[in-house]
Amino acid sequence: SQYSLFEIQKEVSSESIYYDITALEAEQEEQLNSY
């Protein structure tokens, strides 16, 4: 159960970082393509 919990936390953390990077890229793309 501890191993499963650790793996789930690791997966959620990596997904969270992915969404943060995706949101930052989208924001920068918007700045580059807007007035």
Full PDB file with SEQRES, HELIX, SHEET, SSBOND, CRYST1, ORIGX, SCALE, CONECT and MASTER records, all heavy atoms in Angstrom:
SEQRES   1 A   35  SER GLN TYR SER LEU PHE GLU ILE GLN LYS GLU VAL SER          
SEQRES   2 A   35  SER GLU SER ILE TYR TYR ASP ILE THR ALA LEU GLU ALA          
SEQRES   3 A   35  GLU GLN GLU GLU GLN LEU ASN SER TYR                          
HELIX    1 AA1 GLN A    2  LEU A   32  1                                  31    
CRYST1    1.000    1.000    1.000  90.00  90.00  90.00 P 1           1          
ORIGX1      1.000000  0.000000  0.000000        0.00000                         
ORIGX2      0.000000  1.000000  0.000000        0.00000                         
ORIGX3      0.000000  0.000000  1.000000        0.00000                         
SCALE1      1.000000  0.000000  0.000000        0.00000                         
SCALE2      0.000000  1.000000  0.000000        0.00000                         
SCALE3      0.000000  0.000000  1.000000        0.00000                         
ATOM      1  N   SER A   1       0.834  -1.210   0.000  1.00  0.00           N  
ATOM      2  CA  SER A   1       0.000   0.000   0.000  1.00  0.00           C  
ATOM      3  C   SER A   1       0.864   1.253   0.000  1.00  0.00           C  
ATOM      4  O   SER A   1       0.536   2.238  -0.686  1.00  0.00           O  
ATOM      5  CB  SER A   1      -0.949  -0.011   1.198  1.00  0.00           C  
ATOM      6  OG  SER A   1      -0.231   0.076   2.409  1.00  0.00           O  
ATOM      7  N   GLN A   2       1.977   1.251   0.732  1.00  0.00           N  
ATOM      8  CA  GLN A   2       2.878   2.405   0.720  1.00  0.00           C  
ATOM      9  C   GLN A   2       3.500   2.605  -0.658  1.00  0.00           C  
ATOM     10  O   GLN A   2       3.602   3.726  -1.146  1.00  0.00           O  
ATOM     11  CB  GLN A   2       3.972   2.239   1.770  1.00  0.00           C  
ATOM     12  CG  GLN A   2       3.490   2.421   3.185  1.00  0.00           C  
ATOM     13  CD  GLN A   2       4.588   2.183   4.202  1.00  0.00           C  
ATOM     14  OE1 GLN A   2       5.643   1.654   3.894  1.00  0.00           O  
ATOM     15  NE2 GLN A   2       4.317   2.580   5.444  1.00  0.00           N  
ATOM     16  N   TYR A   3       3.894   1.516  -1.306  1.00  0.00           N  
ATOM     17  CA  TYR A   3       4.468   1.598  -2.645  1.00  0.00           C  
ATOM     18  C   TYR A   3       3.437   2.136  -3.630  1.00  0.00           C  
ATOM     19  O   TYR A   3       3.744   3.014  -4.453  1.00  0.00           O  
ATOM     20  CB  TYR A   3       4.965   0.222  -3.099  1.00  0.00           C  
ATOM     21  CG  TYR A   3       5.454   0.198  -4.514  1.00  0.00           C  
ATOM     22  CD1 TYR A   3       6.686   0.748  -4.839  1.00  0.00           C  
ATOM     23  CD2 TYR A   3       4.685  -0.356  -5.524  1.00  0.00           C  
ATOM     24  CE1 TYR A   3       7.145   0.746  -6.139  1.00  0.00           C  
ATOM     25  CE2 TYR A   3       5.128  -0.369  -6.826  1.00  0.00           C  
ATOM     26  CZ  TYR A   3       6.360   0.184  -7.135  1.00  0.00           C  
ATOM     27  OH  TYR A   3       6.801   0.179  -8.423  1.00  0.00           O  
ATOM     28  N   SER A   4       2.208   1.635  -3.541  1.00  0.00           N  
ATOM     29  CA  SER A   4       1.152   2.104  -4.438  1.00  0.00           C  
ATOM     30  C   SER A   4       0.871   3.578  -4.220  1.00  0.00           C  
ATOM     31  O   SER A   4       0.703   4.339  -5.178  1.00  0.00           O  
ATOM     32  CB  SER A   4      -0.129   1.299  -4.212  1.00  0.00           C  
ATOM     33  OG  SER A   4       0.083  -0.051  -4.509  1.00  0.00           O  
ATOM     34  N   LEU A   5       0.824   4.004  -2.971  1.00  0.00           N  
ATOM     35  CA  LEU A   5       0.585   5.407  -2.662  1.00  0.00           C  
ATOM     36  C   LEU A   5       1.710   6.281  -3.207  1.00  0.00           C  
ATOM     37  O   LEU A   5       1.457   7.343  -3.801  1.00  0.00           O  
ATOM     38  CB  LEU A   5       0.451   5.598  -1.148  1.00  0.00           C  
ATOM     39  CG  LEU A   5       0.147   7.013  -0.655  1.00  0.00           C  
ATOM     40  CD1 LEU A   5      -1.196   7.477  -1.189  1.00  0.00           C  
ATOM     41  CD2 LEU A   5       0.179   7.060   0.855  1.00  0.00           C  
ATOM     42  N   PHE A   6       2.950   5.841  -3.052  1.00  0.00           N  
ATOM     43  CA  PHE A   6       4.102   6.588  -3.565  1.00  0.00           C  
ATOM     44  C   PHE A   6       4.026   6.715  -5.089  1.00  0.00           C  
ATOM     45  O   PHE A   6       4.278   7.792  -5.640  1.00  0.00           O  
ATOM     46  CB  PHE A   6       5.408   5.898  -3.149  1.00  0.00           C  
ATOM     47  CG  PHE A   6       6.627   6.523  -3.731  1.00  0.00           C  
ATOM     48  CD1 PHE A   6       7.099   7.747  -3.274  1.00  0.00           C  
ATOM     49  CD2 PHE A   6       7.314   5.895  -4.768  1.00  0.00           C  
ATOM     50  CE1 PHE A   6       8.232   8.323  -3.817  1.00  0.00           C  
ATOM     51  CE2 PHE A   6       8.437   6.471  -5.328  1.00  0.00           C  
ATOM     52  CZ  PHE A   6       8.898   7.692  -4.854  1.00  0.00           C  
ATOM     53  N   GLU A   7       3.687   5.617  -5.763  1.00  0.00           N  
ATOM     54  CA  GLU A   7       3.591   5.640  -7.228  1.00  0.00           C  
ATOM     55  C   GLU A   7       2.477   6.582  -7.684  1.00  0.00           C  
ATOM     56  O   GLU A   7       2.642   7.319  -8.658  1.00  0.00           O  
ATOM     57  CB  GLU A   7       3.354   4.232  -7.776  1.00  0.00           C  
ATOM     58  CG  GLU A   7       4.555   3.335  -7.695  1.00  0.00           C  
ATOM     59  CD  GLU A   7       5.709   3.825  -8.551  1.00  0.00           C  
ATOM     60  OE1 GLU A   7       5.493   4.234  -9.699  1.00  0.00           O  
ATOM     61  OE2 GLU A   7       6.845   3.808  -8.045  1.00  0.00           O  
ATOM     62  N   ILE A   8       1.360   6.569  -6.988  1.00  0.00           N  
ATOM     63  CA  ILE A   8       0.256   7.467  -7.347  1.00  0.00           C  
ATOM     64  C   ILE A   8       0.661   8.915  -7.136  1.00  0.00           C  
ATOM     65  O   ILE A   8       0.387   9.784  -7.979  1.00  0.00           O  
ATOM     66  CB  ILE A   8      -1.013   7.108  -6.547  1.00  0.00           C  
ATOM     67  CG1 ILE A   8      -1.572   5.774  -7.030  1.00  0.00           C  
ATOM     68  CG2 ILE A   8      -2.064   8.194  -6.665  1.00  0.00           C  
ATOM     69  CD1 ILE A   8      -2.690   5.226  -6.184  1.00  0.00           C  
ATOM     70  N   GLN A   9       1.327   9.210  -6.029  1.00  0.00           N  
ATOM     71  CA  GLN A   9       1.777  10.583  -5.767  1.00  0.00           C  
ATOM     72  C   GLN A   9       2.784  11.025  -6.825  1.00  0.00           C  
ATOM     73  O   GLN A   9       2.741  12.172  -7.282  1.00  0.00           O  
ATOM     74  CB  GLN A   9       2.402  10.685  -4.377  1.00  0.00           C  
ATOM     75  CG  GLN A   9       1.401  10.630  -3.251  1.00  0.00           C  
ATOM     76  CD  GLN A   9       2.063  10.614  -1.883  1.00  0.00           C  
ATOM     77  OE1 GLN A   9       3.248  10.310  -1.758  1.00  0.00           O  
ATOM     78  NE2 GLN A   9       1.275  10.911  -0.859  1.00  0.00           N  
ATOM     79  N   LYS A  10       3.676  10.134  -7.208  1.00  0.00           N  
ATOM     80  CA  LYS A  10       4.655  10.459  -8.233  1.00  0.00           C  
ATOM     81  C   LYS A  10       3.968  10.746  -9.571  1.00  0.00           C  
ATOM     82  O   LYS A  10       4.317  11.693 -10.275  1.00  0.00           O  
ATOM     83  CB  LYS A  10       5.648   9.297  -8.375  1.00  0.00           C  
ATOM     84  CG  LYS A  10       6.873   9.624  -9.207  1.00  0.00           C  
ATOM     85  CD  LYS A  10       7.945   8.561  -9.070  1.00  0.00           C  
ATOM     86  CE  LYS A  10       7.723   7.471 -10.066  1.00  0.00           C  
ATOM     87  NZ  LYS A  10       8.794   6.481 -10.100  1.00  0.00           N  
ATOM     88  N   GLU A  11       2.987   9.949  -9.912  1.00  0.00           N  
ATOM     89  CA  GLU A  11       2.261  10.146 -11.164  1.00  0.00           C  
ATOM     90  C   GLU A  11       1.482  11.457 -11.150  1.00  0.00           C  
ATOM     91  O   GLU A  11       1.497  12.210 -12.127  1.00  0.00           O  
ATOM     92  CB  GLU A  11       1.305   8.970 -11.386  1.00  0.00           C  
ATOM     93  CG  GLU A  11       0.590   8.997 -12.710  1.00  0.00           C  
ATOM     94  CD  GLU A  11      -0.290   7.784 -12.896  1.00  0.00           C  
ATOM     95  OE1 GLU A  11       0.117   6.680 -12.501  1.00  0.00           O  
ATOM     96  OE2 GLU A  11      -1.389   7.949 -13.447  1.00  0.00           O  
ATOM     97  N   VAL A  12       0.820  11.731 -10.040  1.00  0.00           N  
ATOM     98  CA  VAL A  12       0.062  12.985  -9.923  1.00  0.00           C  
ATOM     99  C   VAL A  12       1.014  14.171  -9.992  1.00  0.00           C  
ATOM    100  O   VAL A  12       0.724  15.175 -10.645  1.00  0.00           O  
ATOM    101  CB  VAL A  12      -0.759  12.999  -8.605  1.00  0.00           C  
ATOM    102  CG1 VAL A  12      -1.284  14.375  -8.289  1.00  0.00           C  
ATOM    103  CG2 VAL A  12      -1.891  11.994  -8.694  1.00  0.00           C  
ATOM    104  N   SER A  13       2.151  14.069  -9.352  1.00  0.00           N  
ATOM    105  CA  SER A  13       3.138  15.149  -9.365  1.00  0.00           C  
ATOM    106  C   SER A  13       3.651  15.394 -10.778  1.00  0.00           C  
ATOM    107  O   SER A  13       3.770  16.545 -11.215  1.00  0.00           O  
ATOM    108  CB  SER A  13       4.299  14.804  -8.436  1.00  0.00           C  
ATOM    109  OG  SER A  13       5.293  15.776  -8.510  1.00  0.00           O  
ATOM    110  N   SER A  14       3.954  14.330 -11.517  1.00  0.00           N  
ATOM    111  CA  SER A  14       4.458  14.504 -12.883  1.00  0.00           C  
ATOM    112  C   SER A  14       3.377  15.087 -13.778  1.00  0.00           C  
ATOM    113  O   SER A  14       3.657  15.910 -14.649  1.00  0.00           O  
ATOM    114  CB  SER A  14       4.978  13.192 -13.447  1.00  0.00           C  
ATOM    115  OG  SER A  14       3.925  12.275 -13.623  1.00  0.00           O  
ATOM    116  N   GLU A  15       2.130  14.683 -13.597  1.00  0.00           N  
ATOM    117  CA  GLU A  15       1.033  15.259 -14.375  1.00  0.00           C  
ATOM    118  C   GLU A  15       0.851  16.725 -14.025  1.00  0.00           C  
ATOM    119  O   GLU A  15       0.583  17.558 -14.895  1.00  0.00           O  
ATOM    120  CB  GLU A  15      -0.257  14.482 -14.139  1.00  0.00           C  
ATOM    121  CG  GLU A  15      -0.275  13.123 -14.780  1.00  0.00           C  
ATOM    122  CD  GLU A  15      -1.539  12.346 -14.476  1.00  0.00           C  
ATOM    123  OE1 GLU A  15      -2.466  12.920 -13.872  1.00  0.00           O  
ATOM    124  OE2 GLU A  15      -1.589  11.156 -14.831  1.00  0.00           O  
ATOM    125  N   SER A  16       1.015  17.070 -12.764  1.00  0.00           N  
ATOM    126  CA  SER A  16       0.877  18.454 -12.322  1.00  0.00           C  
ATOM    127  C   SER A  16       1.940  19.331 -12.971  1.00  0.00           C  
ATOM    128  O   SER A  16       1.655  20.421 -13.450  1.00  0.00           O  
ATOM    129  CB  SER A  16       0.972  18.533 -10.802  1.00  0.00           C  
ATOM    130  OG  SER A  16       0.954  19.865 -10.371  1.00  0.00           O  
ATOM    131  N   ILE A  17       3.176  18.840 -13.013  1.00  0.00           N  
ATOM    132  CA  ILE A  17       4.268  19.598 -13.648  1.00  0.00           C  
ATOM    133  C   ILE A  17       3.990  19.734 -15.140  1.00  0.00           C  
ATOM    134  O   ILE A  17       4.192  20.800 -15.726  1.00  0.00           O  
ATOM    135  CB  ILE A  17       5.626  18.904 -13.392  1.00  0.00           C  
ATOM    136  CG1 ILE A  17       5.985  19.016 -11.912  1.00  0.00           C  
ATOM    137  CG2 ILE A  17       6.722  19.500 -14.253  1.00  0.00           C  
ATOM    138  CD1 ILE A  17       7.201  18.184 -11.513  1.00  0.00           C  
ATOM    139  N   TYR A  18       3.483  18.692 -15.769  1.00  0.00           N  
ATOM    140  CA  TYR A  18       3.161  18.732 -17.192  1.00  0.00           C  
ATOM    141  C   TYR A  18       2.117  19.804 -17.461  1.00  0.00           C  
ATOM    142  O   TYR A  18       2.239  20.589 -18.400  1.00  0.00           O  
ATOM    143  CB  TYR A  18       2.671  17.358 -17.652  1.00  0.00           C  
ATOM    144  CG  TYR A  18       2.118  17.351 -19.051  1.00  0.00           C  
ATOM    145  CD1 TYR A  18       2.976  17.403 -20.146  1.00  0.00           C  
ATOM    146  CD2 TYR A  18       0.751  17.315 -19.285  1.00  0.00           C  
ATOM    147  CE1 TYR A  18       2.481  17.408 -21.433  1.00  0.00           C  
ATOM    148  CE2 TYR A  18       0.249  17.323 -20.565  1.00  0.00           C  
ATOM    149  CZ  TYR A  18       1.114  17.370 -21.644  1.00  0.00           C  
ATOM    150  OH  TYR A  18       0.618  17.375 -22.920  1.00  0.00           O  
ATOM    151  N   TYR A  19       1.063  19.847 -16.634  1.00  0.00           N  
ATOM    152  CA  TYR A  19       0.019  20.849 -16.830  1.00  0.00           C  
ATOM    153  C   TYR A  19       0.546  22.257 -16.579  1.00  0.00           C  
ATOM    154  O   TYR A  19       0.146  23.203 -17.262  1.00  0.00           O  
ATOM    155  CB  TYR A  19      -1.190  20.554 -15.938  1.00  0.00           C  
ATOM    156  CG  TYR A  19      -1.982  19.345 -16.405  1.00  0.00           C  
ATOM    157  CD1 TYR A  19      -2.238  18.289 -15.564  1.00  0.00           C  
ATOM    158  CD2 TYR A  19      -2.462  19.273 -17.701  1.00  0.00           C  
ATOM    159  CE1 TYR A  19      -2.955  17.181 -15.987  1.00  0.00           C  
ATOM    160  CE2 TYR A  19      -3.173  18.176 -18.143  1.00  0.00           C  
ATOM    161  CZ  TYR A  19      -3.421  17.129 -17.278  1.00  0.00           C  
ATOM    162  OH  TYR A  19      -4.129  16.050 -17.713  1.00  0.00           O  
ATOM    163  N   ASP A  20       1.439  22.398 -15.609  1.00  0.00           N  
ATOM    164  CA  ASP A  20       2.039  23.724 -15.361  1.00  0.00           C  
ATOM    165  C   ASP A  20       2.857  24.179 -16.558  1.00  0.00           C  
ATOM    166  O   ASP A  20       2.778  25.341 -16.974  1.00  0.00           O  
ATOM    167  CB  ASP A  20       2.920  23.685 -14.105  1.00  0.00           C  
ATOM    168  CG  ASP A  20       2.105  23.559 -12.821  1.00  0.00           C  
ATOM    169  OD1 ASP A  20       0.870  23.776 -12.876  1.00  0.00           O  
ATOM    170  OD2 ASP A  20       2.704  23.235 -11.775  1.00  0.00           O  
ATOM    171  N   ILE A  21       3.656  23.285 -17.117  1.00  0.00           N  
ATOM    172  CA  ILE A  21       4.484  23.625 -18.283  1.00  0.00           C  
ATOM    173  C   ILE A  21       3.599  23.916 -19.481  1.00  0.00           C  
ATOM    174  O   ILE A  21       3.827  24.877 -20.230  1.00  0.00           O  
ATOM    175  CB  ILE A  21       5.479  22.478 -18.589  1.00  0.00           C  
ATOM    176  CG1 ILE A  21       6.532  22.400 -17.486  1.00  0.00           C  
ATOM    177  CG2 ILE A  21       6.133  22.676 -19.951  1.00  0.00           C  
ATOM    178  CD1 ILE A  21       7.447  21.198 -17.600  1.00  0.00           C  
ATOM    179  N   THR A  22       2.565  23.139 -19.671  1.00  0.00           N  
ATOM    180  CA  THR A  22       1.636  23.358 -20.788  1.00  0.00           C  
ATOM    181  C   THR A  22       0.939  24.704 -20.648  1.00  0.00           C  
ATOM    182  O   THR A  22       0.802  25.449 -21.636  1.00  0.00           O  
ATOM    183  CB  THR A  22       0.599  22.224 -20.840  1.00  0.00           C  
ATOM    184  OG1 THR A  22       1.273  20.978 -20.894  1.00  0.00           O  
ATOM    185  CG2 THR A  22      -0.299  22.357 -22.045  1.00  0.00           C  
ATOM    186  N   ALA A  23       0.524  25.048 -19.451  1.00  0.00           N  
ATOM    187  CA  ALA A  23      -0.139  26.334 -19.228  1.00  0.00           C  
ATOM    188  C   ALA A  23       0.838  27.487 -19.475  1.00  0.00           C  
ATOM    189  O   ALA A  23       0.469  28.521 -20.078  1.00  0.00           O  
ATOM    190  CB  ALA A  23      -0.694  26.404 -17.810  1.00  0.00           C  
ATOM    191  N   LEU A  24       2.080  27.341 -19.031  1.00  0.00           N  
ATOM    192  CA  LEU A  24       3.091  28.387 -19.247  1.00  0.00           C  
ATOM    193  C   LEU A  24       3.385  28.555 -20.732  1.00  0.00           C  
ATOM    194  O   LEU A  24       3.494  29.692 -21.225  1.00  0.00           O  
ATOM    195  CB  LEU A  24       4.367  28.027 -18.477  1.00  0.00           C  
ATOM    196  CG  LEU A  24       5.482  29.067 -18.463  1.00  0.00           C  
ATOM    197  CD1 LEU A  24       5.010  30.372 -17.835  1.00  0.00           C  
ATOM    198  CD2 LEU A  24       6.684  28.525 -17.713  1.00  0.00           C  
ATOM    199  N   GLU A  25       3.512  27.458 -21.462  1.00  0.00           N  
ATOM    200  CA  GLU A  25       3.750  27.527 -22.905  1.00  0.00           C  
ATOM    201  C   GLU A  25       2.580  28.201 -23.610  1.00  0.00           C  
ATOM    202  O   GLU A  25       2.774  29.000 -24.534  1.00  0.00           O  
ATOM    203  CB  GLU A  25       3.983  26.130 -23.485  1.00  0.00           C  
ATOM    204  CG  GLU A  25       5.337  25.550 -23.162  1.00  0.00           C  
ATOM    205  CD  GLU A  25       5.498  24.128 -23.683  1.00  0.00           C  
ATOM    206  OE1 GLU A  25       4.484  23.486 -24.081  1.00  0.00           O  
ATOM    207  OE2 GLU A  25       6.645  23.644 -23.695  1.00  0.00           O  
ATOM    208  N   ALA A  26       1.340  27.869 -23.204  1.00  0.00           N  
ATOM    209  CA  ALA A  26       0.160  28.481 -23.825  1.00  0.00           C  
ATOM    210  C   ALA A  26       0.142  29.980 -23.568  1.00  0.00           C  
ATOM    211  O   ALA A  26      -0.182  30.778 -24.459  1.00  0.00           O  
ATOM    212  CB  ALA A  26      -1.111  27.824 -23.298  1.00  0.00           C  
ATOM    213  N   GLU A  27       0.514  30.391 -22.355  1.00  0.00           N  
ATOM    214  CA  GLU A  27       0.549  31.817 -22.011  1.00  0.00           C  
ATOM    215  C   GLU A  27       1.599  32.552 -22.848  1.00  0.00           C  
ATOM    216  O   GLU A  27       1.353  33.647 -23.377  1.00  0.00           O  
ATOM    217  CB  GLU A  27       0.846  31.984 -20.526  1.00  0.00           C  
ATOM    218  CG  GLU A  27       0.813  33.417 -20.039  1.00  0.00           C  
ATOM    219  CD  GLU A  27       1.168  33.505 -18.560  1.00  0.00           C  
ATOM    220  OE1 GLU A  27       0.773  32.607 -17.809  1.00  0.00           O  
ATOM    221  OE2 GLU A  27       1.840  34.483 -18.202  1.00  0.00           O  
ATOM    222  N   GLN A  28       2.777  31.925 -22.997  1.00  0.00           N  
ATOM    223  CA  GLN A  28       3.841  32.547 -23.787  1.00  0.00           C  
ATOM    224  C   GLN A  28       3.454  32.601 -25.273  1.00  0.00           C  
ATOM    225  O   GLN A  28       3.746  33.585 -25.963  1.00  0.00           O  
ATOM    226  CB  GLN A  28       5.155  31.777 -23.608  1.00  0.00           C  
ATOM    227  CG  GLN A  28       5.769  31.970 -22.247  1.00  0.00           C  
ATOM    228  CD  GLN A  28       7.007  31.102 -22.037  1.00  0.00           C  
ATOM    229  OE1 GLN A  28       7.324  30.251 -22.866  1.00  0.00           O  
ATOM    230  NE2 GLN A  28       7.687  31.327 -20.931  1.00  0.00           N  
ATOM    231  N   GLU A  29       2.800  31.527 -25.745  1.00  0.00           N  
ATOM    232  CA  GLU A  29       2.347  31.505 -27.145  1.00  0.00           C  
ATOM    233  C   GLU A  29       1.335  32.618 -27.376  1.00  0.00           C  
ATOM    234  O   GLU A  29       1.359  33.280 -28.421  1.00  0.00           O  
ATOM    235  CB  GLU A  29       1.731  30.129 -27.451  1.00  0.00           C  
ATOM    236  CG  GLU A  29       1.365  29.922 -28.883  1.00  0.00           C  
ATOM    237  CD  GLU A  29       2.570  29.764 -29.791  1.00  0.00           C  
ATOM    238  OE1 GLU A  29       3.628  29.283 -29.348  1.00  0.00           O  
ATOM    239  OE2 GLU A  29       2.449  30.134 -30.970  1.00  0.00           O  
ATOM    240  N   GLU A  30       0.462  32.836 -26.416  1.00  0.00           N  
ATOM    241  CA  GLU A  30      -0.531  33.914 -26.536  1.00  0.00           C  
ATOM    242  C   GLU A  30       0.135  35.280 -26.565  1.00  0.00           C  
ATOM    243  O   GLU A  30      -0.252  36.155 -27.353  1.00  0.00           O  
ATOM    244  CB  GLU A  30      -1.529  33.839 -25.372  1.00  0.00           C  
ATOM    245  CG  GLU A  30      -2.629  34.882 -25.454  1.00  0.00           C  
ATOM    246  CD  GLU A  30      -3.566  34.825 -24.267  1.00  0.00           C  
ATOM    247  OE1 GLU A  30      -3.730  33.735 -23.695  1.00  0.00           O  
ATOM    248  OE2 GLU A  30      -4.103  35.886 -23.916  1.00  0.00           O  
ATOM    249  N   GLN A  31       1.162  35.456 -25.739  1.00  0.00           N  
ATOM    250  CA  GLN A  31       1.873  36.741 -25.732  1.00  0.00           C  
ATOM    251  C   GLN A  31       2.599  36.983 -27.064  1.00  0.00           C  
ATOM    252  O   GLN A  31       2.667  38.104 -27.547  1.00  0.00           O  
ATOM    253  CB  GLN A  31       2.877  36.802 -24.579  1.00  0.00           C  
ATOM    254  CG  GLN A  31       2.242  37.015 -23.232  1.00  0.00           C  
ATOM    255  CD  GLN A  31       3.277  37.075 -22.110  1.00  0.00           C  
ATOM    256  OE1 GLN A  31       4.463  36.826 -22.334  1.00  0.00           O  
ATOM    257  NE2 GLN A  31       2.819  37.402 -20.920  1.00  0.00           N  
ATOM    258  N   LEU A  32       3.143  35.920 -27.628  1.00  0.00           N  
ATOM    259  CA  LEU A  32       3.864  36.072 -28.891  1.00  0.00           C  
ATOM    260  C   LEU A  32       2.926  36.341 -30.068  1.00  0.00           C  
ATOM    261  O   LEU A  32       3.325  36.944 -31.060  1.00  0.00           O  
ATOM    262  CB  LEU A  32       4.696  34.821 -29.194  1.00  0.00           C  
ATOM    263  CG  LEU A  32       5.953  34.630 -28.358  1.00  0.00           C  
ATOM    264  CD1 LEU A  32       6.600  33.289 -28.688  1.00  0.00           C  
ATOM    265  CD2 LEU A  32       6.937  35.750 -28.602  1.00  0.00           C  
ATOM    266  N   ASN A  33       1.683  35.896 -29.967  1.00  0.00           N  
ATOM    267  CA  ASN A  33       0.763  36.014 -31.096  1.00  0.00           C  
ATOM    268  C   ASN A  33      -0.382  36.986 -30.849  1.00  0.00           C  
ATOM    269  O   ASN A  33      -1.413  36.910 -31.523  1.00  0.00           O  
ATOM    270  CB  ASN A  33       0.200  34.642 -31.462  1.00  0.00           C  
ATOM    271  CG  ASN A  33       1.264  33.700 -31.971  1.00  0.00           C  
ATOM    272  OD1 ASN A  33       2.155  34.128 -32.691  1.00  0.00           O  
ATOM    273  ND2 ASN A  33       1.191  32.441 -31.574  1.00  0.00           N  
ATOM    274  N   SER A  34      -0.257  37.917 -29.933  1.00  0.00           N  
ATOM    275  CA  SER A  34      -1.353  38.856 -29.673  1.00  0.00           C  
ATOM    276  C   SER A  34      -0.811  40.279 -29.513  1.00  0.00           C  
ATOM    277  O   SER A  34       0.373  40.498 -29.313  1.00  0.00           O  
ATOM    278  CB  SER A  34      -2.113  38.436 -28.408  1.00  0.00           C  
ATOM    279  OG  SER A  34      -1.295  38.576 -27.277  1.00  0.00           O  
ATOM    280  N   TYR A  35      -1.738  41.221 -29.642  1.00  0.00           N  
ATOM    281  CA  TYR A  35      -1.414  42.640 -29.442  1.00  0.00           C  
ATOM    282  C   TYR A  35      -1.660  42.975 -27.984  1.00  0.00           C  
ATOM    283  O   TYR A  35      -2.553  42.416 -27.352  1.00  0.00           O  
ATOM    284  CB  TYR A  35      -2.300  43.527 -30.321  1.00  0.00           C  
ATOM    285  CG  TYR A  35      -2.035  43.367 -31.800  1.00  0.00           C  
ATOM    286  CD1 TYR A  35      -2.811  42.514 -32.573  1.00  0.00           C  
ATOM    287  CD2 TYR A  35      -1.008  44.092 -32.391  1.00  0.00           C  
ATOM    288  CE1 TYR A  35      -2.561  42.376 -33.917  1.00  0.00           C  
ATOM    289  CE2 TYR A  35      -0.764  43.950 -33.757  1.00  0.00           C  
ATOM    290  CZ  TYR A  35      -1.541  43.097 -34.509  1.00  0.00           C  
ATOM    291  OH  TYR A  35      -1.302  42.964 -35.850  1.00  0.00           O  
TER     292      TYR A  35                                                      
MASTER        0    0    0    1    0    0    0    6  291    1    0    3          
END                                                                             
